[in-house]
Amino acid sequence: MRLEFADRARDLALFNLAIDSKLRGCDLVRLRVADVSAAGQVKERTSVLQSKTPQPVRFEITDGTRKSLLAWLEDPELVGSEFL
C-alpha cells in the first residue's frame, strides 16, 4: 500500500508480480513486457522459463497486480521497452 501512495508504479508492479509468481529475483528482472501483456491488455496467466532449473513456471496474475502493471505499462518511460 505504501508504494501506491508514494506513486511508485514500477516498484508496486514488480513487488506484486514477485508475490504472484514466486519467481527468484534473477527471473523476475528478466521478464519481458510481452510475457505479461498482449494487445494492450495484461494477461491473466503467463508462463516463464526459470533460469536455475529450466522448468516452466505458470502463474496467475491477480487483479491487483494486473491493475498495477497496467498503470506502469502506460508510463512513457516504458513505452517501447522490451524488458519490464
Protein backbone atom coordinates (compact mmCIF):
# COMPACT_ATOMS: atom_id res chain seq x y z
CA MET A 1 0.00 0.00 0.00
CA ARG A 2 2.77 2.47 0.77
CA LEU A 3 4.11 2.10 -2.76
CA GLU A 4 0.70 3.15 -4.10
CA PHE A 5 0.68 6.30 -2.01
CA ALA A 6 4.27 7.08 -2.94
CA ASP A 7 3.30 6.96 -6.65
CA ARG A 8 5.93 4.32 -7.41
CA ALA A 9 4.18 2.36 -10.15
CA ARG A 10 7.25 0.34 -11.18
CA ASP A 11 8.10 -0.81 -7.67
CA LEU A 12 4.48 -1.67 -6.90
CA ALA A 13 4.05 -3.66 -10.12
CA LEU A 14 7.27 -5.65 -9.62
CA PHE A 15 6.51 -6.27 -5.94
CA ASN A 16 3.02 -7.57 -6.75
CA LEU A 17 4.35 -9.65 -9.63
CA ALA A 18 7.01 -11.19 -7.37
CA ILE A 19 4.33 -12.22 -4.88
CA ASP A 20 2.06 -13.69 -7.58
CA SER A 21 4.80 -15.57 -9.41
CA LYS A 22 7.10 -16.61 -6.53
CA LEU A 23 9.96 -16.22 -9.01
CA ARG A 24 13.56 -15.69 -7.96
CA GLY A 25 14.82 -12.14 -8.36
CA CYS A 26 17.03 -13.09 -11.32
CA ASP A 27 13.99 -14.48 -13.15
CA LEU A 28 11.79 -11.55 -12.20
CA VAL A 29 14.13 -8.96 -13.73
CA ARG A 30 14.35 -11.00 -16.95
CA LEU A 31 10.61 -10.71 -17.56
CA ARG A 32 9.67 -9.02 -20.78
CA VAL A 33 6.70 -6.80 -21.48
CA ALA A 34 5.40 -9.48 -23.87
CA ASP A 35 5.44 -12.03 -21.01
CA VAL A 36 2.77 -10.12 -19.09
CA SER A 37 0.82 -8.22 -21.75
CA ALA A 38 -0.66 -8.67 -25.20
CA ALA A 39 -2.57 -6.20 -27.36
CA GLY A 40 -2.52 -3.53 -24.67
CA GLN A 41 -4.03 -5.82 -22.02
CA VAL A 42 -2.34 -7.51 -19.10
CA LYS A 43 -2.63 -11.30 -19.28
CA GLU A 44 -4.48 -13.24 -16.60
CA ARG A 45 -1.94 -16.08 -16.73
CA THR A 46 1.57 -16.39 -18.06
CA SER A 47 4.39 -18.88 -18.19
CA VAL A 48 8.13 -18.23 -17.95
CA LEU A 49 11.19 -20.46 -18.00
CA GLN A 50 13.27 -20.43 -14.82
CA SER A 51 16.98 -19.81 -15.26
CA LYS A 52 18.26 -22.01 -12.42
CA THR A 53 16.12 -25.03 -13.19
CA PRO A 54 15.00 -24.89 -16.81
CA GLN A 55 11.43 -25.58 -15.74
CA PRO A 56 8.46 -23.58 -16.99
CA VAL A 57 6.55 -21.78 -14.27
CA ARG A 58 2.91 -20.95 -14.94
CA PHE A 59 1.21 -18.47 -12.65
CA GLU A 60 -1.89 -16.34 -12.41
CA ILE A 61 -1.59 -12.57 -12.38
CA THR A 62 -4.11 -11.37 -9.80
CA ASP A 63 -6.44 -8.44 -10.33
CA GLY A 64 -4.45 -6.05 -8.13
CA THR A 65 -1.23 -6.94 -9.92
CA ARG A 66 -2.87 -6.51 -13.32
CA LYS A 67 -4.01 -3.02 -12.29
CA SER A 68 -0.54 -2.05 -11.09
CA LEU A 69 1.08 -3.49 -14.23
CA LEU A 70 -1.37 -1.66 -16.48
CA ALA A 71 -0.64 1.62 -14.71
CA TRP A 72 3.09 1.05 -15.13
CA LEU A 73 2.84 -0.08 -18.77
CA GLU A 74 1.20 3.27 -19.58
CA ASP A 75 4.27 5.12 -18.27
CA PRO A 76 6.01 6.93 -21.17
CA GLU A 77 9.41 5.67 -19.97
CA LEU A 78 8.34 2.05 -20.51
CA VAL A 79 6.78 2.50 -23.96
CA GLY A 80 8.78 0.54 -26.49
CA SER A 81 10.83 -1.22 -23.83
CA GLU A 82 11.47 -4.91 -24.22
CA PHE A 83 12.10 -5.68 -20.52
CA LEU A 84 9.98 -4.81 -17.53
